[in-house]
Amino acid sequence: MLSAVKNYFAITKKEWNGMLFLAALILIVLLAPDVYQLFKEQKQVDFSRIKEAQKVLADATEEQPAYDRKYDKADYSKHASFN
């Protein structure tokens, strides 16, 4: 019985080389992104223009009146009828 199992799982040298090649290929594909990141130069991003735009936007929104204060929030009759 044991020899039958060994014969069932016996592989040739060509099959063994194919499995080694596939295992190496899978390993390369899995490790490639990490290795790529080691050699990739990180760009420095200048956020000064974005911060400046945020400040301008914040200043502009502070100057606008709050339109939701015109209506009493409990009185919806001015907005729509829900009957």
PDB file of N, CA and C in Angstrom:
ATOM      1  N   MET A   1       0.838  -1.208   0.000  1.00  0.00           N
ATOM      2  CA  MET A   1       0.000   0.000   0.000  1.00  0.00           C
ATOM      3  C   MET A   1       0.871   1.254   0.000  1.00  0.00           C
ATOM      4  N   LEU A   2       1.913   1.278   0.820  1.00  0.00           N
ATOM      5  CA  LEU A   2       2.788   2.446   0.901  1.00  0.00           C
ATOM      6  C   LEU A   2       3.516   2.675  -0.421  1.00  0.00           C
ATOM      7  N   SER A   3       3.933   1.614  -1.066  1.00  0.00           N
ATOM      8  CA  SER A   3       4.618   1.771  -2.348  1.00  0.00           C
ATOM      9  C   SER A   3       3.656   2.279  -3.426  1.00  0.00           C
ATOM     10  N   ALA A   4       2.384   1.924  -3.334  1.00  0.00           N
ATOM     11  CA  ALA A   4       1.390   2.402  -4.295  1.00  0.00           C
ATOM     12  C   ALA A   4       1.191   3.913  -4.144  1.00  0.00           C
ATOM     13  N   VAL A   5       1.199   4.385  -2.890  1.00  0.00           N
ATOM     14  CA  VAL A   5       1.051   5.827  -2.632  1.00  0.00           C
ATOM     15  C   VAL A   5       2.287   6.559  -3.137  1.00  0.00           C
ATOM     16  N   LYS A   6       3.486   5.989  -2.890  1.00  0.00           N
ATOM     17  CA  LYS A   6       4.718   6.625  -3.368  1.00  0.00           C
ATOM     18  C   LYS A   6       4.740   6.678  -4.886  1.00  0.00           C
ATOM     19  N   ASN A   7       4.306   5.632  -5.532  1.00  0.00           N
ATOM     20  CA  ASN A   7       4.271   5.622  -6.989  1.00  0.00           C
ATOM     21  C   ASN A   7       3.228   6.604  -7.538  1.00  0.00           C
ATOM     22  N   TYR A   8       2.141   6.777  -6.801  1.00  0.00           N
ATOM     23  CA  TYR A   8       1.092   7.703  -7.234  1.00  0.00           C
ATOM     24  C   TYR A   8       1.610   9.146  -7.212  1.00  0.00           C
ATOM     25  N   PHE A   9       2.411   9.479  -6.192  1.00  0.00           N
ATOM     26  CA  PHE A   9       2.927  10.830  -6.058  1.00  0.00           C
ATOM     27  C   PHE A   9       4.328  11.009  -6.641  1.00  0.00           C
ATOM     28  N   ALA A  10       4.819  10.069  -7.349  1.00  0.00           N
ATOM     29  CA  ALA A  10       6.143  10.178  -7.963  1.00  0.00           C
ATOM     30  C   ALA A  10       6.098  11.206  -9.086  1.00  0.00           C
ATOM     31  N   ILE A  11       7.138  12.042  -9.138  1.00  0.00           N
ATOM     32  CA  ILE A  11       7.203  13.052 -10.193  1.00  0.00           C
ATOM     33  C   ILE A  11       8.545  12.919 -10.894  1.00  0.00           C
ATOM     34  N   THR A  12       8.549  13.311 -12.136  1.00  0.00           N
ATOM     35  CA  THR A  12       9.780  13.220 -12.918  1.00  0.00           C
ATOM     36  C   THR A  12      10.624  14.462 -12.668  1.00  0.00           C
ATOM     37  N   LYS A  13      11.856  14.412 -13.153  1.00  0.00           N
ATOM     38  CA  LYS A  13      12.767  15.549 -12.993  1.00  0.00           C
ATOM     39  C   LYS A  13      12.208  16.773 -13.735  1.00  0.00           C
ATOM     40  N   LYS A  14      11.603  16.556 -14.877  1.00  0.00           N
ATOM     41  CA  LYS A  14      11.024  17.642 -15.662  1.00  0.00           C
ATOM     42  C   LYS A  14       9.876  18.311 -14.890  1.00  0.00           C
ATOM     43  N   GLU A  15       9.029  17.514 -14.248  1.00  0.00           N
ATOM     44  CA  GLU A  15       7.936  18.064 -13.449  1.00  0.00           C
ATOM     45  C   GLU A  15       8.478  18.815 -12.241  1.00  0.00           C
ATOM     46  N   TRP A  16       9.504  18.283 -11.600  1.00  0.00           N
ATOM     47  CA  TRP A  16      10.118  18.927 -10.437  1.00  0.00           C
ATOM     48  C   TRP A  16      10.695  20.284 -10.835  1.00  0.00           C
ATOM     49  N   ASN A  17      11.398  20.334 -11.969  1.00  0.00           N
ATOM     50  CA  ASN A  17      11.949  21.603 -12.445  1.00  0.00           C
ATOM     51  C   ASN A  17      10.833  22.602 -12.767  1.00  0.00           C
ATOM     52  N   GLY A  18       9.741  22.123 -13.316  1.00  0.00           N
ATOM     53  CA  GLY A  18       8.602  22.991 -13.597  1.00  0.00           C
ATOM     54  C   GLY A  18       7.991  23.564 -12.334  1.00  0.00           C
ATOM     55  N   MET A  19       7.869  22.745 -11.294  1.00  0.00           N
ATOM     56  CA  MET A  19       7.339  23.237 -10.015  1.00  0.00           C
ATOM     57  C   MET A  19       8.272  24.257  -9.388  1.00  0.00           C
ATOM     58  N   LEU A  20       9.571  24.029  -9.454  1.00  0.00           N
ATOM     59  CA  LEU A  20      10.534  24.991  -8.918  1.00  0.00           C
ATOM     60  C   LEU A  20      10.461  26.313  -9.680  1.00  0.00           C
ATOM     61  N   PHE A  21      10.337  26.222 -11.001  1.00  0.00           N
ATOM     62  CA  PHE A  21      10.226  27.425 -11.816  1.00  0.00           C
ATOM     63  C   PHE A  21       8.957  28.212 -11.458  1.00  0.00           C
ATOM     64  N   LEU A  22       7.827  27.520 -11.323  1.00  0.00           N
ATOM     65  CA  LEU A  22       6.578  28.199 -10.966  1.00  0.00           C
ATOM     66  C   LEU A  22       6.637  28.810  -9.571  1.00  0.00           C
ATOM     67  N   ALA A  23       7.257  28.102  -8.630  1.00  0.00           N
ATOM     68  CA  ALA A  23       7.396  28.639  -7.270  1.00  0.00           C
ATOM     69  C   ALA A  23       8.263  29.898  -7.284  1.00  0.00           C
ATOM     70  N   ALA A  24       9.353  29.865  -8.043  1.00  0.00           N
ATOM     71  CA  ALA A  24      10.228  31.039  -8.138  1.00  0.00           C
ATOM     72  C   ALA A  24       9.496  32.199  -8.808  1.00  0.00           C
ATOM     73  N   LEU A  25       8.732  31.905  -9.849  1.00  0.00           N
ATOM     74  CA  LEU A  25       7.976  32.945 -10.543  1.00  0.00           C
ATOM     75  C   LEU A  25       6.932  33.581  -9.632  1.00  0.00           C
ATOM     76  N   ILE A  26       6.239  32.778  -8.857  1.00  0.00           N
ATOM     77  CA  ILE A  26       5.245  33.300  -7.903  1.00  0.00           C
ATOM     78  C   ILE A  26       5.923  34.163  -6.854  1.00  0.00           C
ATOM     79  N   LEU A  27       7.058  33.723  -6.354  1.00  0.00           N
ATOM     80  CA  LEU A  27       7.802  34.494  -5.352  1.00  0.00           C
ATOM     81  C   LEU A  27       8.252  35.837  -5.921  1.00  0.00           C
ATOM     82  N   ILE A  28       8.726  35.842  -7.149  1.00  0.00           N
ATOM     83  CA  ILE A  28       9.160  37.088  -7.776  1.00  0.00           C
ATOM     84  C   ILE A  28       7.985  38.044  -7.935  1.00  0.00           C
ATOM     85  N   VAL A  29       6.852  37.536  -8.373  1.00  0.00           N
ATOM     86  CA  VAL A  29       5.670  38.383  -8.574  1.00  0.00           C
ATOM     87  C   VAL A  29       5.180  38.948  -7.241  1.00  0.00           C
ATOM     88  N   LEU A  30       5.248  38.167  -6.182  1.00  0.00           N
ATOM     89  CA  LEU A  30       4.793  38.649  -4.879  1.00  0.00           C
ATOM     90  C   LEU A  30       5.743  39.666  -4.264  1.00  0.00           C
ATOM     91  N   LEU A  31       7.034  39.537  -4.512  1.00  0.00           N
ATOM     92  CA  LEU A  31       8.014  40.435  -3.906  1.00  0.00           C
ATOM     93  C   LEU A  31       8.328  41.657  -4.761  1.00  0.00           C
ATOM     94  N   ALA A  32       7.954  41.663  -6.020  1.00  0.00           N
ATOM     95  CA  ALA A  32       8.299  42.753  -6.929  1.00  0.00           C
ATOM     96  C   ALA A  32       7.815  44.126  -6.452  1.00  0.00           C
ATOM     97  N   PRO A  33       6.588  44.297  -5.977  1.00  0.00           N
ATOM     98  CA  PRO A  33       6.158  45.635  -5.531  1.00  0.00           C
ATOM     99  C   PRO A  33       6.988  46.174  -4.365  1.00  0.00           C
ATOM    100  N   ASP A  34       7.338  45.313  -3.415  1.00  0.00           N
ATOM    101  CA  ASP A  34       8.133  45.765  -2.284  1.00  0.00           C
ATOM    102  C   ASP A  34       9.544  46.151  -2.707  1.00  0.00           C
ATOM    103  N   VAL A  35      10.130  45.372  -3.592  1.00  0.00           N
ATOM    104  CA  VAL A  35      11.475  45.680  -4.081  1.00  0.00           C
ATOM    105  C   VAL A  35      11.448  46.963  -4.895  1.00  0.00           C
ATOM    106  N   TYR A  36      10.404  47.161  -5.676  1.00  0.00           N
ATOM    107  CA  TYR A  36      10.270  48.378  -6.477  1.00  0.00           C
ATOM    108  C   TYR A  36      10.222  49.615  -5.581  1.00  0.00           C
ATOM    109  N   GLN A  37       9.507  49.524  -4.470  1.00  0.00           N
ATOM    110  CA  GLN A  37       9.397  50.661  -3.551  1.00  0.00           C
ATOM    111  C   GLN A  37      10.742  51.032  -2.937  1.00  0.00           C
ATOM    112  N   LEU A  38      11.644  50.072  -2.788  1.00  0.00           N
ATOM    113  CA  LEU A  38      12.963  50.370  -2.232  1.00  0.00           C
ATOM    114  C   LEU A  38      13.775  51.269  -3.157  1.00  0.00           C
ATOM    115  N   PHE A  39      13.608  51.115  -4.452  1.00  0.00           N
ATOM    116  CA  PHE A  39      14.397  51.864  -5.418  1.00  0.00           C
ATOM    117  C   PHE A  39      13.688  53.096  -5.972  1.00  0.00           C
ATOM    118  N   LYS A  40      12.418  53.234  -5.683  1.00  0.00           N
ATOM    119  CA  LYS A  40      11.647  54.372  -6.195  1.00  0.00           C
ATOM    120  C   LYS A  40      11.939  55.600  -5.340  1.00  0.00           C
ATOM    121  N   GLU A  41      12.195  56.707  -6.007  1.00  0.00           N
ATOM    122  CA  GLU A  41      12.474  57.952  -5.292  1.00  0.00           C
ATOM    123  C   GLU A  41      11.148  58.592  -4.870  1.00  0.00           C
ATOM    124  N   GLN A  42      11.054  58.956  -3.610  1.00  0.00           N
ATOM    125  CA  GLN A  42       9.841  59.575  -3.095  1.00  0.00           C
ATOM    126  C   GLN A  42       9.833  61.052  -3.469  1.00  0.00           C
ATOM    127  N   LYS A  43       8.736  61.526  -4.038  1.00  0.00           N
ATOM    128  CA  LYS A  43       8.605  62.927  -4.415  1.00  0.00           C
ATOM    129  C   LYS A  43       8.154  63.748  -3.215  1.00  0.00           C
ATOM    130  N   GLN A  44       8.705  64.935  -3.102  1.00  0.00           N
ATOM    131  CA  GLN A  44       8.266  65.859  -2.068  1.00  0.00           C
ATOM    132  C   GLN A  44       7.132  66.701  -2.645  1.00  0.00           C
ATOM    133  N   VAL A  45       6.024  66.720  -1.969  1.00  0.00           N
ATOM    134  CA  VAL A  45       4.850  67.444  -2.439  1.00  0.00           C
ATOM    135  C   VAL A  45       4.775  68.777  -1.713  1.00  0.00           C
ATOM    136  N   ASP A  46       4.565  69.834  -2.487  1.00  0.00           N
ATOM    137  CA  ASP A  46       4.452  71.173  -1.921  1.00  0.00           C
ATOM    138  C   ASP A  46       2.975  71.478  -1.665  1.00  0.00           C
ATOM    139  N   PHE A  47       2.613  71.552  -0.409  1.00  0.00           N
ATOM    140  CA  PHE A  47       1.219  71.782  -0.030  1.00  0.00           C
ATOM    141  C   PHE A  47       0.922  73.251   0.241  1.00  0.00           C
ATOM    142  N   SER A  48       1.857  74.131  -0.029  1.00  0.00           N
ATOM    143  CA  SER A  48       1.654  75.542   0.304  1.00  0.00           C
ATOM    144  C   SER A  48       0.496  76.152  -0.482  1.00  0.00           C
ATOM    145  N   ARG A  49       0.363  75.786  -1.760  1.00  0.00           N
ATOM    146  CA  ARG A  49      -0.743  76.335  -2.551  1.00  0.00           C
ATOM    147  C   ARG A  49      -2.088  75.830  -2.044  1.00  0.00           C
ATOM    148  N   ILE A  50      -2.137  74.583  -1.611  1.00  0.00           N
ATOM    149  CA  ILE A  50      -3.387  74.022  -1.091  1.00  0.00           C
ATOM    150  C   ILE A  50      -3.757  74.694   0.228  1.00  0.00           C
ATOM    151  N   LYS A  51      -2.771  74.894   1.100  1.00  0.00           N
ATOM    152  CA  LYS A  51      -3.048  75.561   2.377  1.00  0.00           C
ATOM    153  C   LYS A  51      -3.503  77.003   2.155  1.00  0.00           C
ATOM    154  N   GLU A  52      -2.906  77.656   1.164  1.00  0.00           N
ATOM    155  CA  GLU A  52      -3.301  79.013   0.834  1.00  0.00           C
ATOM    156  C   GLU A  52      -4.745  79.047   0.327  1.00  0.00           C
ATOM    157  N   ALA A  53      -5.111  78.088  -0.520  1.00  0.00           N
ATOM    158  CA  ALA A  53      -6.475  78.011  -1.032  1.00  0.00           C
ATOM    159  C   ALA A  53      -7.465  77.698   0.093  1.00  0.00           C
ATOM    160  N   GLN A  54      -7.073  76.864   1.033  1.00  0.00           N
ATOM    161  CA  GLN A  54      -7.942  76.559   2.171  1.00  0.00           C
ATOM    162  C   GLN A  54      -8.195  77.804   3.003  1.00  0.00           C
ATOM    163  N   LYS A  55      -7.147  78.610   3.188  1.00  0.00           N
ATOM    164  CA  LYS A  55      -7.298  79.828   3.972  1.00  0.00           C
ATOM    165  C   LYS A  55      -8.229  80.808   3.268  1.00  0.00           C
ATOM    166  N   VAL A  56      -8.074  80.957   1.964  1.00  0.00           N
ATOM    167  CA  VAL A  56      -8.946  81.851   1.193  1.00  0.00           C
ATOM    168  C   VAL A  56     -10.389  81.358   1.264  1.00  0.00           C
ATOM    169  N   LEU A  57     -10.591  80.059   1.134  1.00  0.00           N
ATOM    170  CA  LEU A  57     -11.938  79.499   1.197  1.00  0.00           C
ATOM    171  C   LEU A  57     -12.547  79.687   2.580  1.00  0.00           C
ATOM    172  N   ALA A  58     -11.750  79.464   3.614  1.00  0.00           N
ATOM    173  CA  ALA A  58     -12.254  79.645   4.976  1.00  0.00           C
ATOM    174  C   ALA A  58     -12.634  81.103   5.223  1.00  0.00           C
ATOM    175  N   ASP A  59     -11.812  82.036   4.732  1.00  0.00           N
ATOM    176  CA  ASP A  59     -12.132  83.456   4.897  1.00  0.00           C
ATOM    177  C   ASP A  59     -13.397  83.820   4.127  1.00  0.00           C
ATOM    178  N   ALA A  60     -13.568  83.250   2.942  1.00  0.00           N
ATOM    179  CA  ALA A  60     -14.739  83.565   2.129  1.00  0.00           C
ATOM    180  C   ALA A  60     -16.014  83.019   2.758  1.00  0.00           C
ATOM    181  N   THR A  61     -15.951  81.847   3.362  1.00  0.00           N
ATOM    182  CA  THR A  61     -17.154  81.270   3.960  1.00  0.00           C
ATOM    183  C   THR A  61     -17.518  81.950   5.267  1.00  0.00           C
ATOM    184  N   GLU A  62     -16.554  82.523   5.959  1.00  0.00           N
ATOM    185  CA  GLU A  62     -16.871  83.245   7.196  1.00  0.00           C
ATOM    186  C   GLU A  62     -17.622  84.535   6.898  1.00  0.00           C
ATOM    187  N   GLU A  63     -17.361  85.138   5.764  1.00  0.00           N
ATOM    188  CA  GLU A  63     -17.994  86.402   5.415  1.00  0.00           C
ATOM    189  C   GLU A  63     -19.425  86.232   4.936  1.00  0.00           C
ATOM    190  N   GLN A  64     -19.811  85.058   4.461  1.00  0.00           N
ATOM    191  CA  GLN A  64     -21.154  84.843   3.943  1.00  0.00           C
ATOM    192  C   GLN A  64     -22.141  84.715   5.093  1.00  0.00           C
ATOM    193  N   PRO A  65     -23.371  85.234   4.891  1.00  0.00           N
ATOM    194  CA  PRO A  65     -24.382  85.111   5.953  1.00  0.00           C
ATOM    195  C   PRO A  65     -24.880  83.673   6.064  1.00  0.00           C
ATOM    196  N   ALA A  66     -25.337  83.349   7.216  1.00  0.00           N
ATOM    197  CA  ALA A  66     -25.885  82.013   7.443  1.00  0.00           C
ATOM    198  C   ALA A  66     -27.343  82.026   7.004  1.00  0.00           C
ATOM    199  N   TYR A  67     -27.628  81.432   5.857  1.00  0.00           N
ATOM    200  CA  TYR A  67     -28.974  81.479   5.303  1.00  0.00           C
ATOM    201  C   TYR A  67     -29.955  80.614   6.081  1.00  0.00           C
ATOM    202  N   ASP A  68     -29.471  79.612   6.786  1.00  0.00           N
ATOM    203  CA  ASP A  68     -30.408  78.747   7.505  1.00  0.00           C
ATOM    204  C   ASP A  68     -30.977  79.434   8.735  1.00  0.00           C
ATOM    205  N   ARG A  69     -30.476  80.577   9.110  1.00  0.00           N
ATOM    206  CA  ARG A  69     -31.015  81.280  10.277  1.00  0.00           C
ATOM    207  C   ARG A  69     -32.264  82.091   9.928  1.00  0.00           C
ATOM    208  N   LYS A  70     -32.587  82.214   8.652  1.00  0.00           N
ATOM    209  CA  LYS A  70     -33.767  82.981   8.248  1.00  0.00           C
ATOM    210  C   LYS A  70     -35.055  82.317   8.718  1.00  0.00           C
ATOM    211  N   TYR A  71     -35.036  81.011   8.770  1.00  0.00           N
ATOM    212  CA  TYR A  71     -36.258  80.279   9.069  1.00  0.00           C
ATOM    213  C   TYR A  71     -36.156  79.624  10.432  1.00  0.00           C
ATOM    214  N   ASP A  72     -37.296  79.554  11.074  1.00  0.00           N
ATOM    215  CA  ASP A  72     -37.364  78.813  12.317  1.00  0.00           C
ATOM    216  C   ASP A  72     -37.309  77.333  11.962  1.00  0.00           C
ATOM    217  N   LYS A  73     -36.386  76.603  12.508  1.00  0.00           N
ATOM    218  CA  LYS A  73     -36.197  75.207  12.122  1.00  0.00           C
ATOM    219  C   LYS A  73     -37.391  74.332  12.517  1.00  0.00           C
ATOM    220  N   ALA A  74     -38.162  74.756  13.497  1.00  0.00           N
ATOM    221  CA  ALA A  74     -39.318  73.964  13.899  1.00  0.00           C
ATOM    222  C   ALA A  74     -40.530  74.230  13.010  1.00  0.00           C
ATOM    223  N   ASP A  75     -40.552  75.353  12.299  1.00  0.00           N
ATOM    224  CA  ASP A  75     -41.689  75.710  11.460  1.00  0.00           C
ATOM    225  C   ASP A  75     -41.362  75.375  10.005  1.00  0.00           C
ATOM    226  N   TYR A  76     -41.838  74.209   9.557  1.00  0.00           N
ATOM    227  CA  TYR A  76     -41.550  73.778   8.195  1.00  0.00           C
ATOM    228  C   TYR A  76     -42.583  74.258   7.182  1.00  0.00           C
ATOM    229  N   SER A  77     -43.551  75.021   7.618  1.00  0.00           N
ATOM    230  CA  SER A  77     -44.586  75.484   6.695  1.00  0.00           C
ATOM    231  C   SER A  77     -44.020  76.466   5.676  1.00  0.00           C
ATOM    232  N   LYS A  78     -42.946  77.142   6.012  1.00  0.00           N
ATOM    233  CA  LYS A  78     -42.334  78.085   5.080  1.00  0.00           C
ATOM    234  C   LYS A  78     -41.578  77.367   3.972  1.00  0.00           C
ATOM    235  N   HIS A  79     -41.196  76.130   4.217  1.00  0.00           N
ATOM    236  CA  HIS A  79     -40.374  75.390   3.255  1.00  0.00           C
ATOM    237  C   HIS A  79     -41.211  74.528   2.325  1.00  0.00           C
ATOM    238  N   ALA A  80     -42.025  73.691   2.891  1.00  0.00           N
ATOM    239  CA  ALA A  80     -42.824  72.754   2.084  1.00  0.00           C
ATOM    240  C   ALA A  80     -43.959  72.227   2.933  1.00  0.00           C
ATOM    241  N   SER A  81     -44.945  71.708   2.247  1.00  0.00           N
ATOM    242  CA  SER A  81     -46.077  71.134   2.947  1.00  0.00           C
ATOM    243  C   SER A  81     -45.906  69.619   2.994  1.00  0.00           C
ATOM    244  N   PHE A  82     -45.983  69.051   4.192  1.00  0.00           N
ATOM    245  CA  PHE A  82     -45.822  67.608   4.369  1.00  0.00           C
ATOM    246  C   PHE A  82     -47.138  66.929   4.718  1.00  0.00           C
ATOM    247  N   ASN A  83     -48.244  67.464   4.222  1.00  0.00           N
ATOM    248  CA  ASN A  83     -49.551  66.887   4.539  1.00  0.00           C
ATOM    249  C   ASN A  83     -49.863  65.727   3.678  1.00  0.00           C
TER     250      ASN A  83
END
